[in-house]
Amino acid sequence: MDRKEKDALILGEVEKIEQYALKLIESLESELKDDLQQVLVLQALKKIQTSRRSIEEISRPCRLLLEHFSFFQQDYSHSVGYKVGQYLEGRAVFMGFILEEWGNVVLNLGNIRLKWRDEDYFYLFYPDKIMLKSKNRTNPDIYLSFTFSLNYTKVHKKFEDIQSDEQVEYWHEDID
């Protein structure tokens, strides 16, 4: 089964789960008000919607970045360095991500949340970092460096011809 077939299969099942979760929330809305179960069901719904949006709403370069980061999610022996424009800089453990409507990506790095709209950026790939360059220069550039190289995960091998994607501005020759 190739990637597109697998994505179509997963998407169909995730959409069924999402509809079921939405019906559950709607049917129990008055009973779940300010209840732990409401919080848990809403958190689960966000994860389900993130799964669907990872197939439907984001670019292949963004998906590659998120799949690579998922290899060391909540692994305290690996960290992600980040720099956003000239304002925010640091290092933290990658705790996860959420995909919001319209291709908005939210990375949770320790207690920092980095957010960008996928469509507004070009991606520059290096073995140990990924740079997100603003297309319109009104948004800040984002630099993400990591200790777990792209060459270790080999996740990029699942993305045929990723180098020629319109949002990939640079692909380093050392990424095998």
Protein backbone atom coordinates (compact mmCIF):
# COMPACT_ATOMS: atom_id res chain seq x y z
CA MET A 1 0.00 0.00 0.00
CA ASP A 2 1.51 3.34 -1.03
CA ARG A 3 1.40 6.53 1.03
CA LYS A 4 -1.67 8.02 -0.72
CA GLU A 5 -3.71 4.82 -0.25
CA LYS A 6 -2.68 4.58 3.39
CA ASP A 7 -3.55 8.26 3.98
CA ALA A 8 -6.97 7.80 2.32
CA LEU A 9 -7.72 4.77 4.51
CA ILE A 10 -6.63 6.54 7.69
CA LEU A 11 -8.51 9.70 6.74
CA GLY A 12 -11.77 7.80 6.26
CA GLU A 13 -11.52 6.15 9.67
CA VAL A 14 -10.40 9.32 11.46
CA GLU A 15 -13.35 11.23 10.01
CA LYS A 16 -15.72 8.59 11.43
CA ILE A 17 -14.10 8.91 14.87
CA GLU A 18 -14.28 12.71 14.67
CA GLN A 19 -18.00 12.62 13.83
CA TYR A 20 -18.64 10.23 16.72
CA ALA A 21 -16.74 12.52 19.14
CA LEU A 22 -18.68 15.56 17.93
CA LYS A 23 -21.99 13.70 18.44
CA LEU A 24 -20.90 12.66 21.93
CA ILE A 25 -20.03 16.23 22.87
CA GLU A 26 -23.32 17.51 21.45
CA SER A 27 -25.46 14.89 23.18
CA LEU A 28 -23.82 15.35 26.56
CA GLU A 29 -23.18 19.09 26.32
CA SER A 30 -25.45 20.12 29.17
CA GLU A 31 -24.31 17.26 31.40
CA LEU A 32 -20.59 17.77 30.75
CA LYS A 33 -20.47 21.49 31.49
CA ASP A 34 -17.29 22.21 33.49
CA ASP A 35 -16.72 18.51 33.99
CA LEU A 36 -13.48 16.52 33.74
CA GLN A 37 -15.05 14.31 31.06
CA GLN A 38 -15.80 17.36 28.92
CA VAL A 39 -12.16 18.43 29.13
CA LEU A 40 -10.92 14.94 28.23
CA VAL A 41 -13.33 14.50 25.31
CA LEU A 42 -12.41 17.94 23.94
CA GLN A 43 -8.68 17.10 24.22
CA ALA A 44 -9.29 13.83 22.37
CA LEU A 45 -11.23 15.71 19.68
CA LYS A 46 -8.28 18.09 19.17
CA LYS A 47 -5.95 15.12 18.65
CA ILE A 48 -8.38 13.50 16.22
CA GLN A 49 -8.71 16.75 14.26
CA THR A 50 -4.91 17.11 14.25
CA SER A 51 -4.64 13.64 12.74
CA ARG A 52 -7.12 14.53 9.99
CA ARG A 53 -5.52 17.90 9.29
CA SER A 54 -2.06 16.32 9.00
CA ILE A 55 -3.35 14.61 5.87
CA GLU A 56 -5.71 17.27 4.50
CA GLU A 57 -4.44 20.71 5.40
CA ILE A 58 -0.67 20.92 5.64
CA SER A 59 2.09 20.74 3.07
CA ARG A 60 4.37 17.78 2.61
CA PRO A 61 7.41 19.68 3.98
CA CYS A 62 5.48 20.61 7.12
CA ARG A 63 4.30 17.04 7.54
CA LEU A 64 7.88 15.79 7.15
CA LEU A 65 9.00 18.19 9.90
CA LEU A 66 6.21 17.02 12.25
CA GLU A 67 6.82 13.33 11.54
CA HIS A 68 10.53 13.78 12.22
CA PHE A 69 9.87 15.60 15.50
CA SER A 70 7.42 12.88 16.54
CA PHE A 71 10.32 10.43 16.74
CA PHE A 72 11.64 12.21 19.84
CA GLN A 73 8.43 13.61 21.30
CA GLN A 74 8.66 13.92 25.10
CA ASP A 75 12.16 12.40 25.00
CA TYR A 76 14.20 14.41 27.48
CA SER A 77 17.49 13.25 25.98
CA HIS A 78 16.72 15.21 22.79
CA SER A 79 15.79 18.85 22.55
CA VAL A 80 14.80 21.38 19.93
CA GLY A 81 16.48 24.74 19.63
CA TYR A 82 14.26 27.52 18.39
CA LYS A 83 14.65 31.09 17.29
CA VAL A 84 11.76 33.22 16.08
CA GLY A 85 12.89 36.36 14.31
CA GLN A 86 15.03 38.37 16.68
CA TYR A 87 12.72 38.07 19.65
CA LEU A 88 12.46 34.55 21.01
CA GLU A 89 15.29 32.07 21.40
CA GLY A 90 15.85 28.95 23.49
CA ARG A 91 15.96 25.17 23.74
CA ALA A 92 13.29 22.79 24.98
CA VAL A 93 11.92 19.28 24.82
CA PHE A 94 9.42 18.71 22.02
CA MET A 95 6.15 17.95 23.82
CA GLY A 96 3.87 17.62 20.80
CA PHE A 97 1.91 19.62 18.25
CA ILE A 98 -1.60 20.59 17.30
CA LEU A 99 -2.88 21.46 13.85
CA GLU A 100 -5.57 24.08 13.94
CA GLU A 101 -7.89 25.26 11.19
CA TRP A 102 -6.45 26.71 7.98
CA GLY A 103 -3.10 24.96 8.34
CA ASN A 104 -2.04 26.70 11.53
CA VAL A 105 0.67 24.66 13.22
CA VAL A 106 1.31 24.88 16.96
CA LEU A 107 4.54 23.31 18.29
CA ASN A 108 4.72 22.76 22.03
CA LEU A 109 8.34 23.15 23.08
CA GLY A 110 8.55 22.88 26.86
CA ASN A 111 6.39 25.76 28.05
CA ILE A 112 6.73 27.66 24.74
CA ARG A 113 4.14 27.45 21.96
CA LEU A 114 5.38 28.34 18.47
CA LYS A 115 2.65 29.00 15.94
CA TRP A 116 2.74 29.62 12.20
CA ARG A 117 0.53 29.17 9.17
CA ASP A 118 2.05 26.51 6.93
CA GLU A 119 1.01 28.23 3.71
CA ASP A 120 2.95 31.37 4.65
CA TYR A 121 6.39 29.73 4.77
CA PHE A 122 9.09 28.11 2.67
CA TYR A 123 11.09 25.26 4.24
CA LEU A 124 14.88 24.92 4.16
CA PHE A 125 16.09 21.47 5.21
CA TYR A 126 19.48 20.65 6.72
CA PRO A 127 20.44 17.39 8.47
CA ASP A 128 20.19 18.97 11.94
CA LYS A 129 17.89 21.97 11.44
CA ILE A 130 14.92 23.24 9.53
CA MET A 131 14.42 26.89 8.73
CA LEU A 132 11.02 28.34 7.95
CA LYS A 133 11.36 31.41 5.78
CA SER A 134 8.43 33.79 5.58
CA LYS A 135 7.05 34.16 2.06
CA ASN A 136 5.87 37.72 2.53
CA ARG A 137 8.51 38.91 5.02
CA THR A 138 5.83 40.26 7.40
CA ASN A 139 6.06 37.13 9.55
CA PRO A 140 9.27 36.32 11.39
CA ASP A 141 11.55 33.55 10.13
CA ILE A 142 11.63 30.47 12.38
CA TYR A 143 14.75 28.39 13.03
CA LEU A 144 14.42 24.90 14.51
CA SER A 145 17.56 22.92 15.33
CA PHE A 146 17.62 19.43 16.78
CA THR A 147 20.06 16.83 18.04
CA PHE A 148 18.28 13.93 16.30
CA SER A 149 19.31 14.28 12.65
CA LEU A 150 16.97 13.72 9.71
CA ASN A 151 19.44 11.05 8.59
CA TYR A 152 18.67 9.01 11.74
CA THR A 153 14.92 8.83 11.28
CA LYS A 154 14.97 8.43 7.49
CA VAL A 155 11.43 9.84 7.52
CA HIS A 156 12.26 11.90 4.43
CA LYS A 157 12.54 8.66 2.42
CA LYS A 158 8.75 8.29 2.73
CA PHE A 159 8.26 11.60 0.89
CA GLU A 160 9.14 10.97 -2.75
CA ASP A 161 10.63 13.95 -4.54
CA ILE A 162 10.17 16.21 -1.52
CA GLN A 163 13.06 18.33 -2.78
CA SER A 164 10.96 19.50 -5.74
CA ASP A 165 7.96 20.54 -3.61
CA GLU A 166 7.05 24.19 -4.20
CA GLN A 167 7.44 25.00 -0.48
CA VAL A 168 10.92 23.47 -0.21
CA GLU A 169 13.36 26.26 -0.94
CA TYR A 170 16.50 24.33 0.00
CA TRP A 171 17.47 20.69 0.52
CA HIS A 172 20.98 20.04 1.88
CA GLU A 173 23.02 17.47 -0.04
CA ASP A 174 24.07 15.67 3.19
CA ILE A 175 20.52 14.46 3.82
CA ASP A 176 20.74 10.96 2.39
